[in-house]
């Protein structure tokens, strides 16, 4: 499996305890490779594939006027990273794909929608040639629900939910990309699940004086209950606007997530996939 980040800050390397993930693909686990894509590195890699020789690449792509022209091309940076991701889906080792799965960890919603539109835009406006050939292959991959599926990851909060809805509608009605499921991250626990527990908490919160040491507990529980109420409101909106299988990942109350804590997030995902396959 290859995980292709788009200009990502250091997260996966800290999580897995591996060296910093940069613009070169590197193995980070037994069956996981990763790369942190940047426009500059992606354009350079595509240029090398087209021009073949480093000396030719330097003569052409590092020419001052050419570099100025490249920067002026709309959406070239986004297309270079999308094109790089598509290229890795075509790589083989012998008669087998080099990577069984390629995951594009996309940028923010607006940039991602623009990125995913580019292959069709190229097919609509660019004369037939090498660029349109690759764009057609990338577009075919994106539009094939057997090969490509989108997972939308969001938070149960106002702005992330609005962006998740925009992305779902764009994928379904504009981009023609199959959306498989919705992942809601950092959901606060429901610690006051029964009327009795809620009543007991309200009694504690309204007390004029609390036993020594109990005040911080009540304050923390109040914050969690308030955040849970916000989550529940936006979980309802997500259920209304994005009718997909949904996985809720718990909020991990820790400053640093290690591989052990990661199991708390992996388990719900695995259960969701198993339930879908059984269904």
Protein backbone atom coordinates (compact mmCIF):
# COMPACT_ATOMS: atom_id res chain seq x y z
CA UNK A 1 0.00 0.00 0.00
CA UNK A 2 1.20 3.49 -0.86
CA UNK A 3 0.04 6.53 1.09
CA UNK A 4 0.51 9.73 -0.91
CA UNK A 5 0.23 12.85 1.24
CA UNK A 6 -0.32 16.28 -0.31
CA UNK A 7 1.96 18.78 1.41
CA UNK A 8 1.32 17.14 4.75
CA UNK A 9 2.84 18.20 8.03
CA UNK A 10 4.75 15.57 9.99
CA UNK A 11 2.16 13.12 11.33
CA UNK A 12 2.61 9.63 9.99
CA UNK A 13 6.33 9.46 10.72
CA UNK A 14 5.73 10.49 14.32
CA UNK A 15 2.91 8.01 14.64
CA UNK A 16 4.87 5.08 13.24
CA UNK A 17 8.23 6.11 14.67
CA UNK A 18 9.93 6.24 11.28
CA UNK A 19 12.26 8.85 9.73
CA UNK A 20 10.60 11.98 8.31
CA UNK A 21 8.57 11.22 5.17
CA UNK A 22 9.71 13.43 2.32
CA UNK A 23 9.31 13.71 -1.46
CA UNK A 24 10.89 10.31 -2.10
CA UNK A 25 8.80 7.18 -1.61
CA UNK A 26 10.02 5.29 1.43
CA UNK A 27 8.93 2.18 3.27
CA UNK A 28 7.56 2.97 6.71
CA UNK A 29 6.13 -0.42 7.70
CA UNK A 30 6.06 -3.99 6.50
CA UNK A 31 3.40 -3.37 3.85
CA UNK A 32 3.20 0.42 3.83
CA UNK A 33 5.08 2.95 1.76
CA UNK A 34 4.56 6.69 1.91
CA UNK A 35 5.48 9.91 0.14
CA UNK A 36 4.85 13.55 0.99
CA UNK A 37 4.12 15.17 -2.37
CA UNK A 38 4.91 18.78 -3.15
CA UNK A 39 4.22 20.60 -6.44
CA UNK A 40 7.91 21.27 -7.05
CA UNK A 41 8.96 17.64 -6.58
CA UNK A 42 6.00 16.31 -8.57
CA UNK A 43 6.64 18.64 -11.52
CA UNK A 44 10.32 17.65 -11.44
CA UNK A 45 9.43 13.94 -11.44
CA UNK A 46 6.97 14.29 -14.30
CA UNK A 47 9.50 16.34 -16.23
CA UNK A 48 12.10 13.63 -15.78
CA UNK A 49 9.67 10.97 -17.02
CA UNK A 50 8.89 13.02 -20.14
CA UNK A 51 12.39 14.31 -20.90
CA UNK A 52 14.15 11.10 -19.76
CA UNK A 53 17.61 12.52 -19.11
CA UNK A 54 18.60 14.73 -16.18
CA UNK A 55 20.80 16.92 -18.38
CA UNK A 56 17.91 17.56 -20.75
CA UNK A 57 15.59 18.19 -17.81
CA UNK A 58 17.95 20.78 -16.36
CA UNK A 59 18.41 22.49 -19.71
CA UNK A 60 14.65 22.77 -20.25
CA UNK A 61 12.80 22.76 -16.93
CA UNK A 62 15.35 24.79 -14.96
CA UNK A 63 15.56 27.49 -17.58
CA UNK A 64 14.50 30.78 -15.99
CA UNK A 65 11.90 31.61 -18.65
CA UNK A 66 10.49 28.09 -18.64
CA UNK A 67 10.19 28.12 -14.84
CA UNK A 68 8.35 31.44 -15.03
CA UNK A 69 6.01 30.01 -17.67
CA UNK A 70 5.34 26.88 -15.59
CA UNK A 71 4.38 28.93 -12.56
CA UNK A 72 1.88 30.82 -14.70
CA UNK A 73 0.03 27.68 -15.84
CA UNK A 74 -3.21 27.42 -13.84
CA UNK A 75 -3.60 24.29 -11.68
CA UNK A 76 -0.33 22.74 -12.88
CA UNK A 77 0.79 22.21 -9.29
CA UNK A 78 -2.39 20.32 -8.40
CA UNK A 79 -2.32 18.28 -11.60
CA UNK A 80 1.31 17.30 -11.07
CA UNK A 81 0.44 15.74 -7.70
CA UNK A 82 -2.71 14.06 -8.99
CA UNK A 83 -0.77 12.81 -12.00
CA UNK A 84 1.96 11.43 -9.77
CA UNK A 85 -0.64 9.57 -7.71
CA UNK A 86 -2.22 8.13 -10.87
CA UNK A 87 1.21 7.07 -12.17
CA UNK A 88 1.90 5.03 -9.04
CA UNK A 89 -1.32 3.07 -9.66
CA UNK A 90 0.18 1.94 -12.99
CA UNK A 91 3.54 0.74 -11.64
CA UNK A 92 4.19 -2.99 -11.72
CA UNK A 93 6.65 -5.52 -10.34
CA UNK A 94 6.76 -8.30 -12.88
CA UNK A 95 3.16 -9.04 -13.81
CA UNK A 96 1.67 -7.65 -10.58
CA UNK A 97 0.85 -4.10 -9.44
CA UNK A 98 3.64 -2.62 -7.35
CA UNK A 99 1.08 -1.33 -4.83
CA UNK A 100 -2.18 -3.17 -4.13
CA UNK A 101 -3.74 0.10 -2.96
CA UNK A 102 -2.80 3.75 -3.48
CA UNK A 103 -4.32 6.23 -1.04
CA UNK A 104 -4.40 9.92 -1.92
CA UNK A 105 -4.57 11.91 1.31
CA UNK A 106 -5.97 15.02 -0.30
CA UNK A 107 -5.77 18.69 0.65
CA UNK A 108 -8.61 20.80 2.04
CA UNK A 109 -12.00 20.45 0.35
CA UNK A 110 -11.80 23.39 -2.05
CA UNK A 111 -8.34 22.45 -3.31
CA UNK A 112 -9.27 18.78 -3.55
CA UNK A 113 -12.36 19.45 -5.67
CA UNK A 114 -10.29 21.62 -8.01
CA UNK A 115 -7.59 18.95 -8.20
CA UNK A 116 -10.04 16.20 -9.08
CA UNK A 117 -11.65 18.30 -11.82
CA UNK A 118 -8.40 18.85 -13.70
CA UNK A 119 -8.29 15.66 -15.84
CA UNK A 120 -11.70 16.41 -17.35
CA UNK A 121 -10.79 20.07 -17.89
CA UNK A 122 -7.69 18.97 -19.80
CA UNK A 123 -9.76 16.61 -21.94
CA UNK A 124 -12.20 19.44 -22.68
CA UNK A 125 -9.73 22.14 -23.71
CA UNK A 126 -6.33 20.64 -24.61
CA UNK A 127 -5.62 19.22 -28.11
CA UNK A 128 -5.04 15.49 -28.30
CA UNK A 129 -1.53 14.46 -27.27
CA UNK A 130 0.53 12.96 -24.42
CA UNK A 131 -1.08 15.26 -21.84
CA UNK A 132 -4.63 14.31 -22.83
CA UNK A 133 -3.70 10.63 -23.02
CA UNK A 134 -2.59 10.58 -19.38
CA UNK A 135 -5.53 12.79 -18.35
CA UNK A 136 -7.94 10.34 -19.98
CA UNK A 137 -6.37 7.44 -18.09
CA UNK A 138 -6.54 9.35 -14.80
CA UNK A 139 -10.16 10.34 -15.43
CA UNK A 140 -11.10 6.76 -16.26
CA UNK A 141 -9.54 5.59 -13.00
CA UNK A 142 -11.38 8.23 -10.97
CA UNK A 143 -14.73 7.41 -12.56
CA UNK A 144 -14.47 3.64 -12.09
CA UNK A 145 -16.21 2.70 -8.79
CA UNK A 146 -14.46 -0.68 -8.83
CA UNK A 147 -11.06 1.02 -8.81
CA UNK A 148 -11.58 4.32 -6.96
CA UNK A 149 -13.59 5.12 -3.86
CA UNK A 150 -13.58 8.25 -1.76
CA UNK A 151 -13.68 8.32 2.01
CA UNK A 152 -14.75 11.66 3.46
CA UNK A 153 -13.11 12.48 6.79
CA UNK A 154 -14.57 15.23 8.92
CA UNK A 155 -15.24 16.48 12.44
CA UNK A 156 -18.73 16.83 13.91
CA UNK A 157 -18.43 20.61 13.96
CA UNK A 158 -19.96 23.41 11.90
CA UNK A 159 -17.29 24.25 9.30
CA UNK A 160 -15.93 20.71 8.76
CA UNK A 161 -19.48 19.39 8.30
CA UNK A 162 -20.27 22.10 5.73
CA UNK A 163 -17.11 21.19 3.80
CA UNK A 164 -17.89 17.47 4.02
CA UNK A 165 -21.34 18.08 2.53
CA UNK A 166 -19.83 20.19 -0.27
CA UNK A 167 -17.31 17.45 -1.05
CA UNK A 168 -19.97 14.72 -1.07
CA UNK A 169 -22.20 16.69 -3.43
CA UNK A 170 -19.28 17.57 -5.72
CA UNK A 171 -18.11 13.95 -5.85
CA UNK A 172 -21.58 12.59 -6.54
CA UNK A 173 -23.02 15.18 -8.92
CA UNK A 174 -20.01 16.83 -10.53
CA UNK A 175 -16.91 14.64 -10.37
CA UNK A 176 -18.58 11.27 -10.79
CA UNK A 177 -16.46 9.66 -8.06
CA UNK A 178 -17.95 6.92 -5.89
CA UNK A 179 -18.05 7.88 -2.20
CA UNK A 180 -17.79 4.78 -0.03
CA UNK A 181 -18.16 5.99 3.55
CA UNK A 182 -17.95 8.85 5.99
CA UNK A 183 -15.38 8.99 8.79
CA UNK A 184 -16.16 11.32 11.69
CA UNK A 185 -13.07 11.89 13.79
CA UNK A 186 -12.61 13.03 17.38
CA UNK A 187 -16.16 12.36 18.59
CA UNK A 188 -16.56 13.14 22.27
CA UNK A 189 -17.93 10.34 24.47
CA UNK A 190 -21.48 10.40 25.76
CA UNK A 191 -20.80 10.19 29.50
CA UNK A 192 -24.31 11.27 30.51
CA UNK A 193 -26.29 8.62 28.65
CA UNK A 194 -29.22 8.22 31.04
CA UNK A 195 -31.64 10.75 32.57
CA UNK A 196 -30.44 9.64 36.01
CA UNK A 197 -26.78 10.42 35.26
CA UNK A 198 -27.73 13.76 33.70
CA UNK A 199 -29.83 14.67 36.75
CA UNK A 200 -27.02 13.73 39.14
CA UNK A 201 -24.57 15.84 37.16
CA UNK A 202 -26.90 18.85 37.09
CA UNK A 203 -27.22 18.55 40.87
CA UNK A 204 -23.45 18.57 41.28
CA UNK A 205 -23.00 21.48 38.91
CA UNK A 206 -25.56 23.65 40.70
CA UNK A 207 -24.26 22.92 44.19
CA UNK A 208 -23.04 25.94 46.15
CA UNK A 209 -20.02 24.05 47.42
CA UNK A 210 -18.44 20.82 46.23
CA UNK A 211 -16.19 18.42 48.15
CA UNK A 212 -12.48 19.13 47.86
CA UNK A 213 -11.05 17.93 44.55
CA UNK A 214 -14.43 17.41 42.86
CA UNK A 215 -14.63 20.83 41.20
CA UNK A 216 -12.10 20.06 38.42
CA UNK A 217 -13.94 16.81 37.67
CA UNK A 218 -17.27 18.62 37.32
CA UNK A 219 -15.71 21.28 35.10
CA UNK A 220 -14.10 18.68 32.81
CA UNK A 221 -17.31 16.69 32.60
CA UNK A 222 -19.22 19.86 31.75
CA UNK A 223 -16.85 20.57 28.85
CA UNK A 224 -17.16 17.02 27.54
CA UNK A 225 -20.95 17.07 27.82
CA UNK A 226 -21.10 20.40 25.99
CA UNK A 227 -18.83 19.17 23.19
CA UNK A 228 -20.87 15.96 22.95
CA UNK A 229 -24.05 17.99 22.48
CA UNK A 230 -22.38 19.89 19.62
CA UNK A 231 -21.21 16.60 18.09
CA UNK A 232 -24.69 15.10 18.26
CA UNK A 233 -26.21 18.10 16.49
CA UNK A 234 -23.79 17.86 13.57
CA UNK A 235 -23.91 14.06 13.47
CA UNK A 236 -27.61 14.50 12.80
CA UNK A 237 -26.90 16.92 9.98
CA UNK A 238 -24.38 14.52 8.47
CA UNK A 239 -26.92 11.68 8.62
CA UNK A 240 -29.41 13.88 6.79
CA UNK A 241 -27.09 15.18 4.06
CA UNK A 242 -24.61 12.31 3.54
CA UNK A 243 -26.46 8.97 3.47
CA UNK A 244 -23.40 6.75 3.68
CA UNK A 245 -22.02 4.12 6.05
CA UNK A 246 -20.52 6.15 8.89
CA UNK A 247 -17.67 5.41 11.25
CA UNK A 248 -17.31 7.49 14.42
CA UNK A 249 -13.80 7.59 15.81
CA UNK A 250 -13.42 8.50 19.49
CA UNK A 251 -11.67 11.58 20.75
CA UNK A 252 -8.39 10.41 22.26
CA UNK A 253 -7.60 12.60 25.23
CA UNK A 254 -3.86 12.67 24.69
CA UNK A 255 -1.33 15.07 23.25
CA UNK A 256 0.48 12.35 21.35
CA UNK A 257 -0.94 9.31 19.57
CA UNK A 258 1.32 6.29 19.37
CA UNK A 259 0.77 2.94 17.68
CA UNK A 260 -0.93 1.49 20.75
CA UNK A 261 -3.49 4.28 20.89
CA UNK A 262 -3.96 3.97 17.14
CA UNK A 263 -5.65 0.61 17.71
CA UNK A 264 -8.56 2.52 19.24
CA UNK A 265 -9.11 4.09 15.82
CA UNK A 266 -8.29 1.10 13.64
CA UNK A 267 -10.80 -1.21 15.32
CA UNK A 268 -13.95 0.79 14.38
CA UNK A 269 -12.72 1.11 10.80
CA UNK A 270 -12.11 -2.61 10.56
CA UNK A 271 -15.52 -3.37 12.00
CA UNK A 272 -17.18 -1.05 9.48
CA UNK A 273 -15.40 -2.65 6.53
CA UNK A 274 -16.27 -6.13 7.79
CA UNK A 275 -19.93 -5.20 8.24
CA UNK A 276 -20.09 -3.77 4.73
CA UNK A 277 -18.48 -6.82 3.15
CA UNK A 278 -20.79 -9.18 5.06
CA UNK A 279 -23.80 -7.13 4.09
